[in-house]
Amino acid sequence: MAILKLHGAGYASGTRRVATVLHNLKVPFELIEPFGKIPYIADDGFILYESRAICRYIAAKHPAAGLIPSEPKAHAICEQAASAEFAREIFFKLMMLGTTADLTVVEEPLAILEKDLAAYDVILGKQRYLAGDVLTLADLFHLPHVPYLAAGGSDIMTRKPNVARWYNELIARPYFLVYEGGVKTTTAY
């Protein structure tokens, strides 16, 4: 079987999202960065683009890991949580401004994120992860944007106790390292 090929920029959030799922499932892959375009994969002749679609495809190929719940209600809750991926506007502004960003530019989006995280805190007070007590794609989909908050000087992910617990658990996982040095080819685990 041919090794999966992930095409995309190693520092792009979409590529990082896909690499997070690949690392979580221990799927070997080759990173190809021809022009740093949006991520797509070539899996034994099958071409697929859009990072979330790629993640769902890879997770579906490895159902034993449970990243996509099979029970209909649990699956719906996972999709709901994945669809609520928070505050994209903040991250794009922080990415554009760089690591010395003036957070006054993102005050309004940060206020919205603060409200969203208050809701997350309630959810995470009742369960370990966003969609229940098992790690799912909903949790992993949030990771690519988080480093930009810290780089921009925000501590918003650690203000609410349940969000902080969830966040600290996710960033302690080995695959979170793709956010420190960018995505790299991984042919063995």
N, C-alpha and C. Protein backbone atom coordinates (compact mmCIF):
# COMPACT_ATOMS: atom_id res chain seq x y z
N MET A 1 0.85 -1.18 0.00
CA MET A 1 0.00 0.00 0.00
C MET A 1 0.89 1.24 0.00
N ALA A 2 0.55 2.18 -0.84
CA ALA A 2 1.34 3.41 -0.95
C ALA A 2 1.14 4.29 0.28
N ILE A 3 2.18 5.04 0.63
CA ILE A 3 2.09 5.97 1.76
C ILE A 3 1.20 7.15 1.36
N LEU A 4 0.38 7.60 2.27
CA LEU A 4 -0.49 8.74 2.02
C LEU A 4 0.36 9.98 1.80
N LYS A 5 -0.01 10.79 0.84
CA LYS A 5 0.72 12.03 0.55
C LYS A 5 -0.16 13.22 0.93
N LEU A 6 0.37 14.05 1.81
CA LEU A 6 -0.32 15.26 2.26
C LEU A 6 0.34 16.45 1.58
N HIS A 7 -0.41 17.13 0.73
CA HIS A 7 0.09 18.30 0.02
C HIS A 7 -0.39 19.54 0.75
N GLY A 8 0.53 20.41 1.15
CA GLY A 8 0.15 21.65 1.82
C GLY A 8 1.33 22.29 2.49
N ALA A 9 1.15 23.51 2.94
CA ALA A 9 2.21 24.24 3.64
C ALA A 9 2.29 23.73 5.08
N GLY A 10 3.48 23.40 5.52
CA GLY A 10 3.68 22.82 6.84
C GLY A 10 3.26 23.70 7.99
N TYR A 11 3.16 25.01 7.78
CA TYR A 11 2.76 25.91 8.85
C TYR A 11 1.31 26.38 8.71
N ALA A 12 0.61 25.93 7.68
CA ALA A 12 -0.78 26.34 7.46
C ALA A 12 -1.72 25.60 8.41
N SER A 13 -2.73 26.28 8.90
CA SER A 13 -3.63 25.67 9.88
C SER A 13 -4.35 24.45 9.32
N GLY A 14 -4.75 24.48 8.06
CA GLY A 14 -5.42 23.33 7.46
C GLY A 14 -4.51 22.12 7.40
N THR A 15 -3.26 22.34 7.01
CA THR A 15 -2.29 21.24 6.96
C THR A 15 -2.04 20.71 8.36
N ARG A 16 -1.94 21.60 9.32
CA ARG A 16 -1.74 21.18 10.71
C ARG A 16 -2.93 20.38 11.23
N ARG A 17 -4.14 20.79 10.83
CA ARG A 17 -5.35 20.08 11.26
C ARG A 17 -5.28 18.63 10.76
N VAL A 18 -4.96 18.46 9.47
CA VAL A 18 -4.87 17.11 8.90
C VAL A 18 -3.75 16.32 9.57
N ALA A 19 -2.59 16.94 9.76
CA ALA A 19 -1.46 16.25 10.39
C ALA A 19 -1.78 15.84 11.82
N THR A 20 -2.56 16.64 12.53
CA THR A 20 -2.96 16.29 13.89
C THR A 20 -3.74 14.98 13.89
N VAL A 21 -4.69 14.85 12.96
CA VAL A 21 -5.47 13.62 12.88
C VAL A 21 -4.58 12.45 12.45
N LEU A 22 -3.71 12.68 11.47
CA LEU A 22 -2.80 11.61 11.03
C LEU A 22 -1.92 11.13 12.18
N HIS A 23 -1.34 12.07 12.93
CA HIS A 23 -0.50 11.69 14.07
C HIS A 23 -1.31 10.98 15.15
N ASN A 24 -2.52 11.48 15.43
CA ASN A 24 -3.37 10.86 16.44
C ASN A 24 -3.66 9.41 16.09
N LEU A 25 -3.86 9.14 14.80
CA LEU A 25 -4.17 7.79 14.34
C LEU A 25 -2.93 6.99 13.95
N LYS A 26 -1.75 7.64 14.06
CA LYS A 26 -0.48 7.01 13.70
C LYS A 26 -0.47 6.52 12.25
N VAL A 27 -0.97 7.37 11.35
CA VAL A 27 -0.98 7.07 9.92
C VAL A 27 0.26 7.70 9.30
N PRO A 28 1.16 6.88 8.75
CA PRO A 28 2.35 7.44 8.10
C PRO A 28 1.95 8.30 6.89
N PHE A 29 2.70 9.37 6.65
CA PHE A 29 2.40 10.23 5.52
C PHE A 29 3.66 10.95 5.05
N GLU A 30 3.59 11.41 3.82
CA GLU A 30 4.66 12.22 3.25
C GLU A 30 4.10 13.62 3.02
N LEU A 31 4.77 14.63 3.55
CA LEU A 31 4.36 16.01 3.33
C LEU A 31 5.02 16.52 2.07
N ILE A 32 4.22 17.08 1.18
CA ILE A 32 4.73 17.66 -0.06
C ILE A 32 4.29 19.11 -0.09
N GLU A 33 5.26 20.02 -0.20
CA GLU A 33 4.96 21.45 -0.18
C GLU A 33 5.38 22.11 -1.49
N PRO A 34 4.70 21.79 -2.59
CA PRO A 34 5.14 22.37 -3.85
C PRO A 34 4.96 23.88 -3.92
N PHE A 35 3.80 24.37 -3.57
CA PHE A 35 3.55 25.81 -3.62
C PHE A 35 2.85 26.32 -2.38
N GLY A 36 2.72 25.50 -1.36
CA GLY A 36 2.05 25.90 -0.13
C GLY A 36 0.56 26.13 -0.30
N LYS A 37 -0.06 25.44 -1.25
CA LYS A 37 -1.50 25.58 -1.47
C LYS A 37 -2.27 24.90 -0.35
N ILE A 38 -3.59 25.08 -0.39
CA ILE A 38 -4.43 24.46 0.64
C ILE A 38 -4.14 22.97 0.69
N PRO A 39 -4.36 22.34 1.83
CA PRO A 39 -4.00 20.92 1.90
C PRO A 39 -4.92 20.05 1.05
N TYR A 40 -4.31 19.04 0.46
CA TYR A 40 -5.06 17.96 -0.15
C TYR A 40 -4.24 16.70 0.02
N ILE A 41 -4.90 15.56 -0.12
CA ILE A 41 -4.19 14.30 0.01
C ILE A 41 -4.31 13.50 -1.27
N ALA A 42 -3.32 12.67 -1.47
CA ALA A 42 -3.35 11.66 -2.52
C ALA A 42 -3.19 10.33 -1.80
N ASP A 43 -4.26 9.56 -1.74
CA ASP A 43 -4.26 8.29 -1.03
C ASP A 43 -4.49 7.17 -2.03
N ASP A 44 -3.40 6.61 -2.51
CA ASP A 44 -3.47 5.50 -3.47
C ASP A 44 -4.33 5.87 -4.68
N GLY A 45 -4.11 7.07 -5.22
CA GLY A 45 -4.82 7.53 -6.40
C GLY A 45 -6.08 8.32 -6.11
N PHE A 46 -6.55 8.32 -4.89
CA PHE A 46 -7.74 9.09 -4.50
C PHE A 46 -7.29 10.47 -4.05
N ILE A 47 -7.80 11.52 -4.68
CA ILE A 47 -7.44 12.90 -4.36
C ILE A 47 -8.60 13.53 -3.59
N LEU A 48 -8.27 14.19 -2.47
CA LEU A 48 -9.29 14.86 -1.66
C LEU A 48 -8.71 16.14 -1.10
N TYR A 49 -9.47 17.23 -1.15
CA TYR A 49 -9.01 18.49 -0.58
C TYR A 49 -10.02 18.99 0.44
N GLU A 50 -9.66 20.04 1.17
CA GLU A 50 -10.39 20.67 2.27
C GLU A 50 -10.07 19.90 3.54
N SER A 51 -9.40 20.58 4.45
CA SER A 51 -8.82 19.91 5.61
C SER A 51 -9.83 19.13 6.45
N ARG A 52 -11.01 19.68 6.68
CA ARG A 52 -11.98 18.97 7.51
C ARG A 52 -12.50 17.71 6.81
N ALA A 53 -12.71 17.80 5.49
CA ALA A 53 -13.12 16.62 4.73
C ALA A 53 -12.03 15.55 4.77
N ILE A 54 -10.78 15.97 4.65
CA ILE A 54 -9.66 15.03 4.73
C ILE A 54 -9.65 14.35 6.10
N CYS A 55 -9.81 15.14 7.15
CA CYS A 55 -9.80 14.58 8.51
C CYS A 55 -10.92 13.56 8.68
N ARG A 56 -12.11 13.89 8.18
CA ARG A 56 -13.23 12.96 8.31
C ARG A 56 -12.97 11.67 7.53
N TYR A 57 -12.38 11.80 6.35
CA TYR A 57 -12.04 10.63 5.53
C TYR A 57 -11.04 9.73 6.26
N ILE A 58 -9.98 10.32 6.78
CA ILE A 58 -8.94 9.55 7.46
C ILE A 58 -9.52 8.89 8.72
N ALA A 59 -10.32 9.63 9.47
CA ALA A 59 -10.94 9.07 10.68
C ALA A 59 -11.89 7.93 10.32
N ALA A 60 -12.62 8.06 9.21
CA ALA A 60 -13.54 7.00 8.78
C ALA A 60 -12.77 5.74 8.35
N LYS A 61 -11.56 5.93 7.82
CA LYS A 61 -10.74 4.77 7.45
C LYS A 61 -10.18 4.05 8.67
N HIS A 62 -10.20 4.71 9.82
CA HIS A 62 -9.68 4.14 11.07
C HIS A 62 -10.76 4.23 12.15
N PRO A 63 -11.88 3.54 11.96
CA PRO A 63 -13.01 3.69 12.88
C PRO A 63 -12.73 3.22 14.31
N ALA A 64 -11.79 2.31 14.49
CA ALA A 64 -11.51 1.80 15.83
C ALA A 64 -11.03 2.89 16.78
N ALA A 65 -10.45 3.96 16.24
CA ALA A 65 -9.95 5.05 17.09
C ALA A 65 -11.09 5.88 17.68
N GLY A 66 -12.27 5.80 17.09
CA GLY A 66 -13.43 6.48 17.65
C GLY A 66 -13.49 7.98 17.45
N LEU A 67 -12.69 8.54 16.53
CA LEU A 67 -12.74 9.99 16.32
C LEU A 67 -14.06 10.45 15.73
N ILE A 68 -14.77 9.54 15.06
CA ILE A 68 -16.13 9.81 14.58
C ILE A 68 -17.03 8.79 15.26
N PRO A 69 -17.86 9.23 16.19
CA PRO A 69 -18.74 8.28 16.88
C PRO A 69 -19.68 7.58 15.90
N SER A 70 -19.94 6.31 16.13
CA SER A 70 -20.82 5.55 15.23
C SER A 70 -22.29 5.65 15.64
N GLU A 71 -22.56 5.88 16.91
CA GLU A 71 -23.94 6.01 17.39
C GLU A 71 -24.49 7.34 16.87
N PRO A 72 -25.68 7.34 16.25
CA PRO A 72 -26.20 8.54 15.59
C PRO A 72 -26.25 9.81 16.45
N LYS A 73 -26.72 9.72 17.69
CA LYS A 73 -26.79 10.92 18.53
C LYS A 73 -25.40 11.42 18.89
N ALA A 74 -24.50 10.51 19.22
CA ALA A 74 -23.12 10.91 19.54
C ALA A 74 -22.44 11.52 18.31
N HIS A 75 -22.73 10.94 17.14
CA HIS A 75 -22.18 11.48 15.89
C HIS A 75 -22.69 12.90 15.65
N ALA A 76 -23.98 13.11 15.87
CA ALA A 76 -24.57 14.44 15.67
C ALA A 76 -23.97 15.45 16.64
N ILE A 77 -23.76 15.06 17.88
CA ILE A 77 -23.15 15.97 18.87
C ILE A 77 -21.71 16.29 18.47
N CYS A 78 -20.99 15.29 17.97
CA CYS A 78 -19.63 15.52 17.49
C CYS A 78 -19.63 16.53 16.34
N GLU A 79 -20.53 16.35 15.37
CA GLU A 79 -20.61 17.27 14.24
C GLU A 79 -21.02 18.67 14.70
N GLN A 80 -21.93 18.74 15.66
CA GLN A 80 -22.33 20.04 16.21
C GLN A 80 -21.13 20.75 16.82
N ALA A 81 -20.37 20.04 17.63
CA ALA A 81 -19.19 20.64 18.27
C ALA A 81 -18.13 21.01 17.24
N ALA A 82 -17.97 20.18 16.21
CA ALA A 82 -16.99 20.47 15.16
C ALA A 82 -17.42 21.71 14.37
N SER A 83 -18.71 21.88 14.17
CA SER A 83 -19.22 23.03 13.42
C SER A 83 -19.09 24.32 14.20
N ALA A 84 -18.97 24.22 15.51
CA ALA A 84 -18.88 25.40 16.36
C ALA A 84 -17.44 25.84 16.57
N GLU A 85 -16.53 25.32 15.76
CA GLU A 85 -15.12 25.69 15.89
C GLU A 85 -15.02 27.20 16.05
N PHE A 86 -14.35 27.61 17.09
CA PHE A 86 -14.50 28.97 17.56
C PHE A 86 -13.63 30.03 16.90
N ALA A 87 -14.21 31.21 16.80
CA ALA A 87 -13.54 32.50 16.59
C ALA A 87 -12.48 32.53 15.51
N ARG A 88 -12.81 32.08 14.33
CA ARG A 88 -11.82 32.08 13.24
C ARG A 88 -11.31 33.48 12.93
N GLU A 89 -12.16 34.47 13.03
CA GLU A 89 -11.75 35.85 12.72
C GLU A 89 -10.57 36.29 13.57
N ILE A 90 -10.58 35.93 14.83
CA ILE A 90 -9.48 36.31 15.73
C ILE A 90 -8.17 35.76 15.21
N PHE A 91 -8.19 34.49 14.86
CA PHE A 91 -6.95 33.83 14.48
C PHE A 91 -6.40 34.40 13.18
N PHE A 92 -7.29 34.70 12.24
CA PHE A 92 -6.81 35.26 10.99
C PHE A 92 -6.22 36.64 11.21
N LYS A 93 -6.83 37.44 12.08
CA LYS A 93 -6.27 38.75 12.38
C LYS A 93 -4.92 38.62 13.08
N LEU A 94 -4.82 37.70 14.03
CA LEU A 94 -3.55 37.50 14.71
C LEU A 94 -2.49 36.99 13.75
N MET A 95 -2.88 36.12 12.83
CA MET A 95 -1.92 35.60 11.85
C MET A 95 -1.43 36.74 10.96
N MET A 96 -2.32 37.61 10.55
CA MET A 96 -1.96 38.71 9.66
C MET A 96 -1.09 39.73 10.39
N LEU A 97 -1.35 39.95 11.67
CA LEU A 97 -0.60 40.94 12.43
C LEU A 97 0.73 40.41 12.95
N GLY A 98 0.84 39.09 13.06
CA GLY A 98 2.07 38.50 13.56
C GLY A 98 2.06 38.34 15.06
N THR A 99 3.18 37.89 15.60
CA THR A 99 3.24 37.55 17.02
C THR A 99 3.30 38.77 17.93
N THR A 100 3.50 39.95 17.39
CA THR A 100 3.51 41.15 18.23
C THR A 100 2.21 41.93 18.03
N ALA A 101 1.14 41.19 17.82
CA ALA A 101 -0.14 41.80 17.50
C ALA A 101 -0.64 42.71 18.61
N ASP A 102 -1.29 43.78 18.20
CA ASP A 102 -1.97 44.68 19.12
C ASP A 102 -3.36 44.08 19.33
N LEU A 103 -3.61 43.53 20.50
CA LEU A 103 -4.87 42.84 20.74
C LEU A 103 -6.08 43.77 20.74
N THR A 104 -5.88 45.10 20.73
CA THR A 104 -7.04 45.99 20.65
C THR A 104 -7.75 45.81 19.30
N VAL A 105 -7.03 45.36 18.29
CA VAL A 105 -7.61 45.13 16.97
C VAL A 105 -8.61 43.97 17.03
N VAL A 106 -8.42 43.08 17.96
CA VAL A 106 -9.29 41.90 18.04
C VAL A 106 -10.15 41.89 19.30
N GLU A 107 -10.36 43.06 19.89
CA GLU A 107 -11.16 43.12 21.13
C GLU A 107 -12.56 42.55 20.96
N GLU A 108 -13.26 42.96 19.91
CA GLU A 108 -14.62 42.47 19.70
C GLU A 108 -14.65 40.96 19.46
N PRO A 109 -13.81 40.44 18.54
CA PRO A 109 -13.81 38.98 18.38
C PRO A 109 -13.39 38.24 19.65
N LEU A 110 -12.48 38.80 20.44
CA LEU A 110 -12.09 38.16 21.70
C LEU A 110 -13.26 38.13 22.69
N ALA A 111 -14.07 39.19 22.69
CA ALA A 111 -15.25 39.22 23.56
C ALA A 111 -16.24 38.13 23.15
N ILE A 112 -16.39 37.92 21.84
CA ILE A 112 -17.27 36.85 21.35
C ILE A 112 -16.70 35.50 21.75
N LEU A 113 -15.38 35.34 21.59
CA LEU A 113 -14.73 34.09 21.98
C LEU A 113 -14.89 33.84 23.47
N GLU A 114 -14.79 34.89 24.27
CA GLU A 114 -14.97 34.76 25.73
C GLU A 114 -16.34 34.17 26.04
N LYS A 115 -17.39 34.64 25.34
CA LYS A 115 -18.74 34.10 25.54
C LYS A 115 -18.83 32.65 25.08
N ASP A 116 -18.21 32.36 23.92
CA ASP A 116 -18.22 30.99 23.41
C ASP A 116 -17.52 30.05 24.40
N LEU A 117 -16.40 30.51 24.94
CA LEU A 117 -15.65 29.67 25.88
C LEU A 117 -16.41 29.48 27.20
N ALA A 118 -17.25 30.45 27.56
CA ALA A 118 -18.09 30.28 28.75
C ALA A 118 -19.07 29.12 28.51
N ALA A 119 -19.62 29.03 27.30
CA ALA A 119 -20.50 27.91 26.96
C ALA A 119 -19.71 26.61 26.93
N TYR A 120 -18.52 26.64 26.35
CA TYR A 120 -17.66 25.46 26.33
C TYR A 120 -17.36 25.01 27.76
N ASP A 121 -17.13 25.97 28.65
CA ASP A 121 -16.79 25.63 30.03
C ASP A 121 -17.92 24.85 30.70
N VAL A 122 -19.16 25.23 30.42
CA VAL A 122 -20.31 24.50 30.96
C VAL A 122 -20.33 23.08 30.39
N ILE A 123 -20.17 22.97 29.07
CA ILE A 123 -20.16 21.65 28.42
C ILE A 123 -19.05 20.79 28.99
N LEU A 124 -17.85 21.37 29.08
CA LEU A 124 -16.68 20.62 29.55
C LEU A 124 -16.72 20.36 31.05
N GLY A 125 -17.62 21.00 31.76
CA GLY A 125 -17.83 20.70 33.17
C GLY A 125 -18.63 19.42 33.37
N LYS A 126 -19.31 18.99 32.31
CA LYS A 126 -20.14 17.79 32.37
C LYS A 126 -19.49 16.59 31.68
N GLN A 127 -18.51 16.85 30.86
CA GLN A 127 -17.87 15.77 30.10
C GLN A 127 -16.42 16.15 29.81
N ARG A 128 -15.64 15.16 29.45
CA ARG A 128 -14.20 15.36 29.27
C ARG A 128 -13.86 16.15 28.00
N TYR A 129 -14.61 15.89 26.94
CA TYR A 129 -14.33 16.52 25.64
C TYR A 129 -15.59 17.22 25.12
N LEU A 130 -15.46 17.91 24.01
CA LEU A 130 -16.57 18.70 23.48
C LEU A 130 -17.79 17.87 23.11
N ALA A 131 -17.58 16.66 22.61
CA ALA A 131 -18.70 15.84 22.15
C ALA A 131 -18.99 14.66 23.08
N GLY A 132 -18.40 14.63 24.25
CA GLY A 132 -18.63 13.54 25.19
C GLY A 132 -17.36 13.22 25.95
N ASP A 133 -17.24 11.97 26.37
CA ASP A 133 -16.07 11.57 27.17
C ASP A 133 -14.97 10.93 26.34
N VAL A 134 -15.12 10.95 25.02
CA VAL A 134 -14.13 10.37 24.12
C VAL A 134 -13.63 11.46 23.18
N LEU A 135 -12.34 11.51 22.95
CA LEU A 135 -11.74 12.46 22.00
C LEU A 135 -12.33 12.23 20.62
N THR A 136 -12.75 13.32 19.95
CA THR A 136 -13.29 13.22 18.60
C THR A 136 -12.66 14.28 17.72
N LEU A 137 -13.05 14.27 16.45
CA LEU A 137 -12.57 15.30 15.53
C LEU A 137 -12.96 16.69 16.01
N ALA A 138 -14.08 16.81 16.71
CA ALA A 138 -14.51 18.12 17.20
C ALA A 138 -13.42 18.77 18.04
N ASP A 139 -12.76 18.00 18.88
CA ASP A 139 -11.67 18.53 19.70
C ASP A 139 -10.46 18.87 18.84
N LEU A 140 -10.09 17.95 17.97
CA LEU A 140 -8.89 18.14 17.16
C LEU A 140 -9.03 19.31 16.19
N PHE A 141 -10.25 19.58 15.71
CA PHE A 141 -10.46 20.68 14.77
C PHE A 141 -10.14 22.04 15.40
N HIS A 142 -10.21 22.15 16.70
CA HIS A 142 -9.94 23.42 17.36
C HIS A 142 -8.45 23.73 17.50
N LEU A 143 -7.61 22.73 17.44
CA LEU A 143 -6.19 22.91 17.74
C LEU A 143 -5.40 23.82 16.79
N PRO A 144 -5.63 23.82 15.49
CA PRO A 144 -4.76 24.61 14.62
C PRO A 144 -4.71 26.10 14.92
N HIS A 145 -5.77 26.64 15.48
CA HIS A 145 -5.82 28.08 15.72
C HIS A 145 -5.28 28.51 17.07
N VAL A 146 -5.26 27.61 18.03
CA VAL A 146 -4.90 27.95 19.41
C VAL A 146 -3.52 28.59 19.56
N PRO A 147 -2.47 28.09 18.88
CA PRO A 147 -1.15 28.71 19.07
C PRO A 147 -1.11 30.20 18.71
N TYR A 148 -1.97 30.63 17.79
CA TYR A 148 -1.98 32.04 17.41
C TYR A 148 -2.46 32.93 18.55
N LEU A 149 -3.35 32.40 19.38
CA LEU A 149 -3.81 33.17 20.54
C LEU A 149 -2.65 33.41 21.50
N ALA A 150 -1.94 32.35 21.83
CA ALA A 150 -0.80 32.48 22.76
C ALA A 150 0.28 33.36 22.15
N ALA A 151 0.55 33.18 20.86
CA ALA A 151 1.57 33.99 20.19
C ALA A 151 1.17 35.46 20.17
N GLY A 152 -0.13 35.71 20.13
CA GLY A 152 -0.62 37.08 20.14
C GLY A 152 -0.72 37.67 21.53
N GLY A 153 -0.40 36.89 22.55
CA GLY A 153 -0.38 37.39 23.91
C GLY A 153 -1.64 37.14 24.71
N SER A 154 -2.57 36.35 24.19
CA SER A 154 -3.82 36.11 24.91
C SER A 154 -3.72 34.87 25.79
N ASP A 155 -4.32 34.97 26.98
CA ASP A 155 -4.39 33.83 27.90
C ASP A 155 -5.82 33.29 27.99
N ILE A 156 -6.64 33.60 27.00
CA ILE A 156 -8.07 33.30 27.05
C ILE A 156 -8.37 31.81 27.21
N MET A 157 -7.49 30.94 26.75
CA MET A 157 -7.74 29.50 26.84
C MET A 157 -7.54 28.94 28.25
N THR A 158 -6.98 29.74 29.13
CA THR A 158 -6.73 29.24 30.49
C THR A 158 -7.55 29.97 31.56
N ARG A 159 -8.45 30.83 31.16
CA ARG A 159 -9.25 31.61 32.12
C ARG A 159 -10.39 30.82 32.74
N LYS A 160 -10.96 29.91 32.00
CA LYS A 160 -12.10 29.12 32.48
C LYS A 160 -11.58 27.74 32.88
N PRO A 161 -11.92 27.25 34.07
CA PRO A 161 -11.29 26.03 34.58
C PRO A 161 -11.48 24.78 33.71
N ASN A 162 -12.67 24.56 33.20
CA ASN A 162 -12.91 23.36 32.40
C ASN A 162 -12.30 23.48 31.01
N VAL A 163 -12.35 24.68 30.45
CA VAL A 163 -11.69 24.91 29.16
C VAL A 163 -10.18 24.74 29.33
N ALA A 164 -9.63 25.26 30.42
CA ALA A 164 -8.19 25.14 30.68
C ALA A 164 -7.78 23.67 30.81
N ARG A 165 -8.58 22.88 31.52
CA ARG A 165 -8.28 21.45 31.67
C ARG A 165 -8.27 20.77 30.31
N TRP A 166 -9.31 21.02 29.51
CA TRP A 166 -9.44 20.44 28.17
C TRP A 166 -8.28 20.87 27.29
N TYR A 167 -8.02 22.16 27.26
CA TYR A 167 -6.94 22.73 26.45
C TYR A 167 -5.59 22.15 26.86
N ASN A 168 -5.30 22.11 28.15
CA ASN A 168 -4.01 21.58 28.62
C ASN A 168 -3.86 20.10 28.30
N GLU A 169 -4.96 19.37 28.36
CA GLU A 169 -4.90 17.95 28.00
C GLU A 169 -4.59 17.78 26.52
N LEU A 170 -5.23 18.59 25.68
CA LEU A 170 -4.99 18.47 24.23
C LEU A 170 -3.56 18.86 23.85
N ILE A 171 -3.07 19.96 24.42
CA ILE A 171 -1.73 20.40 24.02
C ILE A 171 -0.63 19.54 24.63
N ALA A 172 -0.97 18.70 25.60
CA ALA A 172 0.03 17.79 26.18
C ALA A 172 0.22 16.54 25.33
N ARG A 173 -0.64 16.32 24.37
CA ARG A 173 -0.53 15.12 23.52
C ARG A 173 0.65 15.26 22.56
N PRO A 174 1.30 14.15 22.24
CA PRO A 174 2.50 14.21 21.39
C PRO A 174 2.26 14.86 20.03
N TYR A 175 1.09 14.66 19.43
CA TYR A 175 0.86 15.22 18.10
C TYR A 175 0.75 16.73 18.10
N PHE A 176 0.62 17.35 19.28
CA PHE A 176 0.57 18.81 19.32
C PHE A 176 1.91 19.41 18.89
N LEU A 177 2.96 18.61 18.86
CA LEU A 177 4.28 19.10 18.45
C LEU A 177 4.27 19.63 17.02
N VAL A 178 3.30 19.22 16.18
CA VAL A 178 3.25 19.74 14.81
C VAL A 178 3.04 21.25 14.81
N TYR A 179 2.59 21.80 15.93
CA TYR A 179 2.36 23.23 15.99
C TYR A 179 3.63 23.99 16.35
N GLU A 180 4.60 23.31 16.91
CA GLU A 180 5.84 23.98 17.29
C GLU A 180 6.79 24.10 16.11
N GLY A 181 7.00 23.03 15.36
CA GLY A 181 7.96 23.07 14.28
C GLY A 181 7.35 22.94 12.91
N GLY A 182 6.05 22.94 12.83
CA GLY A 182 5.40 22.75 11.54
C GLY A 182 5.28 21.26 11.23
N VAL A 183 4.51 20.95 10.22
CA VAL A 183 4.26 19.58 9.82
C VAL A 183 5.48 19.05 9.06
N LYS A 184 5.85 17.81 9.36
CA LYS A 184 6.96 17.16 8.67
C LYS A 184 6.52 15.76 8.28
N THR A 185 7.15 15.24 7.22
CA THR A 185 6.88 13.87 6.81
C THR A 185 7.09 12.92 7.99
N THR A 186 6.16 12.01 8.17
CA THR A 186 6.26 11.01 9.23
C THR A 186 5.96 9.65 8.61
N THR A 187 7.00 8.83 8.46
CA THR A 187 6.81 7.54 7.79
C THR A 187 6.69 6.38 8.76
N ALA A 188 6.96 6.61 10.04
CA ALA A 188 6.84 5.54 11.04
C ALA A 188 6.55 6.14 12.41
N TYR A 189 5.93 5.35 13.27
CA TYR A 189 5.62 5.77 14.64
C TYR A 189 6.24 4.82 15.62
